[in-house]
Amino acid sequence: MAASREIRIGTAGWAYKDWEGVFYPPGMARRKQHGLEFLAQCFDVVEINTSFYGHIKPELVKLWVRKVAVNPKFVFTAKLHRSFTHSPIAVMEPTSAATIKPNDEDERLAREGLDALASTGKLGALLIQFPVSFKNTLLNREYLESLMRQFIEFPRVVEVRHDTWNRPDTIAYFTERNVSFCNIDQPQIGRSLEATEHVTSPVGYVRLHGRNYDQWFEAGKAADRYNYLYSETELAGWKEKIERIASKAEVTYVIANNHFEAKAGVNALQLKHMLTGRRVKATEPLLKHYPELKDIADSISDDTDSLPLLSMSS
């Protein structure tokens, strides 16, 4: 067992229009700057969310890896393309093994991008994310078994959102297959999975979606769902869970997905400070937009050195 265990904290995605002038400086694109250059100075991981909507292009991998070179410790996790996890018309019908319809081209393109990222040594994990309508049924378990074998060469993390998956036999099933169970924070509506702290492989994984109850299913636009800023009290509860998860895992990824107006960046930095007890680095626009961060963060313009990874004694 390793003498120290890593905790990597970051955000889900980086290419959001509403981050310009909030997390990133205005006019960033005009100056030929890239969001990852800034993100890698604040965090040690980012979750690629665009891979859910379109397959990763190998030429983009080369660009991304160059842009994060400012932080040699930086890694990516990546979402598997939605063709493997969602019904093509998921907004109209429940997702199940009967409605998910990936084809051979989907597998070829998904593997091409993931292989390109893995070959750089920068792929931390592959996130296989299902919607809340994907329930724990025999047919769905058989499909999941097949999918986990299909991508067995990657560190796999499975996110399920329906509470039928939160059972001892399911956790044992994940453990036997060396697949990580994704612990999530989401609004508790109906049969939504509650907050868990399962560790079923050497990789621990946490995703914080926010608690925007009013707009979770009724949002006028998708971004509204993630318009939520966690309070310090709410984060303190997750700090304790993350520490317990990290005590059992070799590496733990903590991903803030409440991305509206860079709230994910704010909460990720607050968690990083809580877990280390040290001041963190933030971009100047973020410090101006969220002045409460000045109590715990300094501007990256003051010092561009990367912070060490979080670690815990085992």
Protein backbone atom coordinates (compact mmCIF):
# COMPACT_ATOMS: atom_id res chain seq x y z
CA MET A 1 0.00 0.00 0.00
CA ALA A 2 1.29 3.46 -0.88
CA ALA A 3 2.64 5.57 1.96
CA SER A 4 0.58 8.55 0.79
CA ARG A 5 -2.69 8.78 -1.08
CA GLU A 6 -3.44 11.45 -3.64
CA ILE A 7 -6.53 13.61 -3.75
CA ARG A 8 -6.95 15.49 -7.02
CA ILE A 9 -9.59 18.21 -7.16
CA GLY A 10 -10.82 19.93 -10.31
CA THR A 11 -13.78 20.87 -12.46
CA ALA A 12 -15.98 19.12 -14.99
CA GLY A 13 -14.98 20.79 -18.22
CA TRP A 14 -13.28 24.07 -18.98
CA ALA A 15 -14.72 25.41 -22.27
CA TYR A 16 -17.69 27.43 -21.05
CA LYS A 17 -18.59 30.77 -22.61
CA ASP A 18 -19.77 32.14 -19.26
CA TRP A 19 -16.31 31.52 -17.74
CA GLU A 20 -14.73 34.26 -19.84
CA GLY A 21 -14.36 37.32 -17.66
CA VAL A 22 -15.23 35.19 -14.60
CA PHE A 23 -12.61 32.41 -14.44
CA TYR A 24 -10.65 33.49 -17.51
CA PRO A 25 -9.57 36.98 -18.52
CA PRO A 26 -11.77 38.74 -21.09
CA GLY A 27 -10.55 38.50 -24.67
CA MET A 28 -8.62 35.30 -23.93
CA ALA A 29 -9.23 33.81 -27.38
CA ARG A 30 -8.11 37.00 -29.11
CA ARG A 31 -4.79 36.76 -27.27
CA LYS A 32 -4.53 33.09 -28.30
CA GLN A 33 -4.65 31.88 -24.72
CA HIS A 34 -6.27 28.57 -23.78
CA GLY A 35 -8.43 27.86 -20.75
CA LEU A 36 -6.37 24.84 -19.76
CA GLU A 37 -3.31 27.02 -19.26
CA PHE A 38 -5.15 28.81 -16.44
CA LEU A 39 -6.94 25.75 -15.07
CA ALA A 40 -3.72 23.75 -14.73
CA GLN A 41 -2.26 26.46 -12.48
CA CYS A 42 -5.15 26.05 -10.03
CA PHE A 43 -5.89 22.32 -10.12
CA ASP A 44 -4.30 18.93 -10.84
CA VAL A 45 -7.18 17.35 -12.77
CA VAL A 46 -10.01 18.25 -15.12
CA GLU A 47 -12.82 16.02 -16.31
CA ILE A 48 -13.30 16.15 -20.10
CA ASN A 49 -17.03 16.63 -20.54
CA THR A 50 -17.04 17.36 -24.30
CA SER A 51 -16.22 13.68 -24.90
CA PHE A 52 -19.79 12.90 -23.82
CA TYR A 53 -21.16 14.87 -26.77
CA GLY A 54 -18.47 14.23 -29.37
CA HIS A 55 -15.62 11.74 -29.51
CA ILE A 56 -12.15 12.93 -28.48
CA LYS A 57 -10.00 13.82 -31.48
CA PRO A 58 -6.35 12.67 -31.19
CA GLU A 59 -5.08 15.99 -32.56
CA LEU A 60 -6.91 17.81 -29.76
CA VAL A 61 -5.24 15.55 -27.20
CA LYS A 62 -1.85 16.82 -28.34
CA LEU A 63 -3.01 20.41 -27.93
CA TRP A 64 -4.49 19.80 -24.47
CA VAL A 65 -1.36 18.08 -23.19
CA ARG A 66 0.78 20.99 -24.41
CA LYS A 67 -1.46 23.52 -22.70
CA VAL A 68 -1.30 21.83 -19.29
CA ALA A 69 2.49 21.48 -19.39
CA VAL A 70 2.65 24.37 -16.90
CA ASN A 71 1.70 21.72 -14.31
CA PRO A 72 3.53 18.40 -14.93
CA LYS A 73 1.30 16.67 -12.36
CA PHE A 74 -1.89 17.51 -14.24
CA VAL A 75 -4.11 14.66 -15.54
CA PHE A 76 -7.46 14.30 -17.29
CA THR A 77 -10.43 12.09 -16.62
CA ALA A 78 -12.83 11.63 -19.53
CA LYS A 79 -16.52 10.91 -19.95
CA LEU A 80 -17.42 8.04 -22.24
CA HIS A 81 -19.50 9.11 -25.24
CA ARG A 82 -23.26 9.20 -24.61
CA SER A 83 -23.96 6.60 -27.32
CA PHE A 84 -22.82 3.97 -24.78
CA THR A 85 -24.82 5.26 -21.81
CA HIS A 86 -27.93 7.12 -22.94
CA SER A 87 -30.88 6.47 -25.18
CA PRO A 88 -30.59 8.51 -28.40
CA ILE A 89 -33.84 10.19 -27.34
CA ALA A 90 -33.19 10.17 -23.59
CA VAL A 91 -35.28 13.30 -23.09
CA MET A 92 -38.33 11.37 -24.33
CA GLU A 93 -37.78 7.80 -23.13
CA PRO A 94 -36.04 6.11 -20.18
CA THR A 95 -32.52 4.86 -20.73
CA SER A 96 -32.01 1.12 -20.43
CA ALA A 97 -30.07 -1.65 -22.14
CA ALA A 98 -32.98 -1.88 -24.59
CA THR A 99 -32.70 1.76 -25.68
CA ILE A 100 -28.91 2.37 -25.69
CA LYS A 101 -27.64 1.86 -29.24
CA PRO A 102 -23.89 2.34 -29.78
CA ASN A 103 -22.48 1.08 -33.08
CA ASP A 104 -19.08 -0.11 -34.29
CA GLU A 105 -18.13 3.38 -35.42
CA ASP A 106 -18.85 4.74 -31.94
CA GLU A 107 -16.49 2.20 -30.43
CA ARG A 108 -13.78 2.92 -33.00
CA LEU A 109 -13.91 6.67 -32.45
CA ALA A 110 -14.20 6.43 -28.67
CA ARG A 111 -11.25 4.09 -28.45
CA GLU A 112 -9.17 6.20 -30.84
CA GLY A 113 -9.48 9.27 -28.62
CA LEU A 114 -9.07 7.43 -25.33
CA ASP A 115 -6.00 5.55 -26.62
CA ALA A 116 -4.44 8.82 -27.74
CA LEU A 117 -4.93 10.32 -24.27
CA ALA A 118 -3.80 7.18 -22.45
CA SER A 119 -0.62 7.05 -24.56
CA THR A 120 0.43 10.41 -23.09
CA GLY A 121 0.18 9.06 -19.54
CA LYS A 122 -2.39 11.76 -18.76
CA LEU A 123 -5.60 9.68 -18.56
CA GLY A 124 -6.55 9.23 -14.92
CA ALA A 125 -9.88 7.46 -15.40
CA LEU A 126 -12.76 6.85 -17.80
CA LEU A 127 -16.14 7.99 -16.45
CA ILE A 128 -19.12 5.91 -17.62
CA GLN A 129 -22.11 8.07 -16.67
CA PHE A 130 -25.71 6.84 -16.78
CA PRO A 131 -28.86 8.91 -16.18
CA VAL A 132 -31.24 8.41 -13.25
CA SER A 133 -33.61 6.40 -15.47
CA PHE A 134 -30.98 3.63 -15.78
CA LYS A 135 -32.13 1.33 -12.98
CA ASN A 136 -30.64 -1.78 -11.42
CA THR A 137 -32.34 -4.49 -13.48
CA LEU A 138 -31.03 -7.80 -14.78
CA LEU A 139 -30.93 -6.52 -18.37
CA ASN A 140 -29.09 -3.37 -17.37
CA ARG A 141 -26.59 -5.28 -15.25
CA GLU A 142 -25.85 -7.53 -18.21
CA TYR A 143 -25.30 -4.51 -20.43
CA LEU A 144 -23.06 -2.87 -17.83
CA GLU A 145 -21.03 -6.07 -17.51
CA SER A 146 -20.45 -6.09 -21.27
CA LEU A 147 -19.54 -2.39 -21.34
CA MET A 148 -17.04 -2.72 -18.49
CA ARG A 149 -15.32 -5.57 -20.36
CA GLN A 150 -15.35 -3.53 -23.58
CA PHE A 151 -13.19 -0.81 -22.03
CA ILE A 152 -11.29 -2.97 -19.55
CA GLU A 153 -7.89 -1.49 -20.43
CA PHE A 154 -8.83 1.86 -18.85
CA PRO A 155 -9.42 2.69 -15.16
CA ARG A 156 -13.23 2.64 -15.23
CA VAL A 157 -15.58 4.67 -13.05
CA VAL A 158 -19.33 4.06 -13.27
CA GLU A 159 -21.81 6.76 -12.30
CA VAL A 160 -25.35 5.58 -11.67
CA ARG A 161 -27.96 7.93 -10.24
CA HIS A 162 -30.89 5.69 -9.26
CA ASP A 163 -30.94 4.43 -5.69
CA THR A 164 -31.55 0.80 -6.70
CA TRP A 165 -27.80 0.58 -7.32
CA ASN A 166 -26.91 1.44 -3.73
CA ARG A 167 -26.96 -2.14 -2.39
CA PRO A 168 -24.28 -4.31 -0.78
CA ASP A 169 -24.38 -6.87 -3.59
CA THR A 170 -23.88 -4.13 -6.19
CA ILE A 171 -20.91 -2.70 -4.31
CA ALA A 172 -19.42 -6.20 -4.09
CA TYR A 173 -20.04 -6.63 -7.82
CA PHE A 174 -18.10 -3.44 -8.62
CA THR A 175 -15.29 -4.46 -6.27
CA GLU A 176 -14.90 -7.89 -7.84
CA ARG A 177 -14.49 -6.27 -11.25
CA ASN A 178 -12.09 -3.55 -10.09
CA VAL A 179 -14.47 -0.83 -11.26
CA SER A 180 -14.94 2.39 -9.30
CA PHE A 181 -18.35 3.40 -7.98
CA CYS A 182 -18.87 7.14 -8.50
CA ASN A 183 -20.05 8.94 -5.35
CA ILE A 184 -22.27 11.86 -6.27
CA ASP A 185 -23.98 14.83 -4.72
CA GLN A 186 -27.26 15.66 -6.46
CA PRO A 187 -30.73 16.90 -5.49
CA GLN A 188 -32.62 14.21 -3.60
CA ILE A 189 -35.69 13.93 -5.80
CA GLY A 190 -37.74 10.72 -5.98
CA ARG A 191 -35.43 7.69 -6.21
CA SER A 192 -32.25 9.70 -6.80
CA LEU A 193 -29.11 8.11 -5.36
CA GLU A 194 -28.14 9.68 -2.04
CA ALA A 195 -24.62 10.78 -1.16
CA THR A 196 -22.36 7.74 -0.77
CA GLU A 197 -18.70 7.10 -0.01
CA HIS A 198 -18.05 3.76 -1.69
CA VAL A 199 -14.54 2.68 -2.70
CA THR A 200 -14.56 -0.36 -4.98
CA SER A 201 -11.16 -0.05 -6.70
CA PRO A 202 -7.87 1.80 -6.17
CA VAL A 203 -9.58 4.85 -7.72
CA GLY A 204 -11.95 6.88 -5.57
CA TYR A 205 -14.29 9.24 -7.43
CA VAL A 206 -16.60 12.05 -6.31
CA ARG A 207 -18.79 14.29 -8.49
CA LEU A 208 -20.58 17.33 -7.06
CA HIS A 209 -23.53 18.35 -9.24
CA GLY A 210 -25.04 20.98 -6.96
CA ARG A 211 -28.42 20.94 -5.24
CA ASN A 212 -30.55 23.06 -7.53
CA TYR A 213 -33.84 21.37 -6.70
CA ASP A 214 -36.08 23.87 -8.48
CA GLN A 215 -34.42 23.54 -11.87
CA TRP A 216 -32.93 20.04 -11.84
CA PHE A 217 -35.59 18.57 -14.11
CA GLU A 218 -37.38 21.77 -15.16
CA ALA A 219 -34.46 23.95 -16.21
CA GLY A 220 -35.19 26.33 -19.08
CA LYS A 221 -31.72 25.56 -20.39
CA ALA A 222 -29.22 22.92 -19.37
CA ALA A 223 -26.81 25.36 -17.71
CA ASP A 224 -29.50 26.46 -15.22
CA ARG A 225 -29.38 23.04 -13.58
CA TYR A 226 -25.80 23.71 -12.50
CA ASN A 227 -26.37 27.22 -11.18
CA TYR A 228 -25.57 26.36 -7.58
CA LEU A 229 -22.85 27.48 -5.17
CA TYR A 230 -22.20 25.13 -2.25
CA SER A 231 -21.97 26.73 1.18
CA GLU A 232 -18.93 26.11 3.35
CA THR A 233 -21.11 24.00 5.65
CA GLU A 234 -22.20 21.79 2.74
CA LEU A 235 -18.60 21.43 1.58
CA ALA A 236 -17.46 20.54 5.10
CA GLY A 237 -19.71 17.47 4.98
CA TRP A 238 -18.08 16.38 1.75
CA LYS A 239 -14.60 17.10 3.10
CA GLU A 240 -15.15 14.41 5.72
CA LYS A 241 -16.50 11.96 3.14
CA ILE A 242 -13.58 12.64 0.79
CA GLU A 243 -11.07 12.02 3.57
CA ARG A 244 -12.69 8.66 4.33
CA ILE A 245 -12.77 7.75 0.63
CA ALA A 246 -9.12 8.75 0.22
CA SER A 247 -8.10 6.64 3.20
CA LYS A 248 -9.19 3.55 1.23
CA ALA A 249 -8.16 4.53 -2.32
CA GLU A 250 -4.78 5.09 -3.94
CA VAL A 251 -5.97 8.17 -5.82
CA THR A 252 -9.22 10.07 -5.38
CA TYR A 253 -10.68 12.43 -7.97
CA VAL A 254 -13.08 15.11 -6.78
CA ILE A 255 -14.90 16.86 -9.63
CA ALA A 256 -17.13 19.91 -9.23
CA ASN A 257 -19.80 19.96 -11.95
CA ASN A 258 -21.75 23.05 -10.83
CA HIS A 259 -20.17 24.92 -13.70
CA PHE A 260 -22.53 27.90 -14.12
CA GLU A 261 -20.45 31.10 -14.02
CA ALA A 262 -17.45 29.09 -12.74
CA LYS A 263 -19.07 28.19 -9.42
CA ALA A 264 -17.36 24.80 -9.82
CA GLY A 265 -14.00 26.57 -9.71
CA VAL A 266 -14.95 28.39 -6.52
CA ASN A 267 -16.12 25.29 -4.68
CA ALA A 268 -13.20 23.18 -5.92
CA LEU A 269 -10.74 25.75 -4.56
CA GLN A 270 -12.61 25.92 -1.25
CA LEU A 271 -12.47 22.14 -0.92
CA LYS A 272 -8.80 22.11 -1.81
CA HIS A 273 -8.14 24.65 0.94
CA MET A 274 -10.23 22.69 3.46
CA LEU A 275 -8.36 19.47 2.74
CA THR A 276 -4.84 20.94 2.82
CA GLY A 277 -5.17 23.80 5.28
CA ARG A 278 -3.06 25.84 2.85
CA ARG A 279 -3.82 28.85 0.68
CA VAL A 280 -4.64 28.00 -2.92
CA LYS A 281 -4.14 29.66 -6.31
CA ALA A 282 -6.96 31.31 -8.27
CA THR A 283 -7.18 33.42 -11.40
CA GLU A 284 -7.45 37.18 -10.98
CA PRO A 285 -10.93 37.37 -12.60
CA LEU A 286 -12.25 34.66 -10.25
CA LEU A 287 -10.94 36.53 -7.21
CA LYS A 288 -12.68 39.68 -8.42
CA HIS A 289 -15.97 37.94 -9.24
CA TYR A 290 -16.03 35.95 -5.98
CA PRO A 291 -14.20 38.20 -3.47
CA GLU A 292 -14.84 35.72 -0.64
CA LEU A 293 -12.04 33.62 -2.16
CA LYS A 294 -9.46 36.22 -1.12
CA ASP A 295 -9.55 34.79 2.40
CA ILE A 296 -8.07 31.50 1.12
CA ALA A 297 -6.56 32.17 -2.32
CA ASP A 298 -3.82 34.17 -4.01
CA SER A 299 -3.67 35.13 -7.65
CA ILE A 300 -1.76 32.82 -10.01
CA SER A 301 -0.16 35.96 -11.41
CA ASP A 302 1.72 36.31 -8.11
CA ASP A 303 3.33 32.89 -8.35
CA THR A 304 2.97 30.42 -11.22
CA ASP A 305 4.54 27.48 -9.37
CA SER A 306 2.29 24.42 -9.18
CA LEU A 307 1.02 23.41 -5.78
CA PRO A 308 1.83 19.88 -4.60
CA LEU A 309 -0.81 17.17 -4.78
CA LEU A 310 -2.94 16.66 -1.74
CA SER A 311 -1.80 13.67 0.28
CA MET A 312 -2.84 11.75 3.34
CA SER A 313 -0.85 9.43 5.53
CA SER A 314 -2.12 5.89 5.21
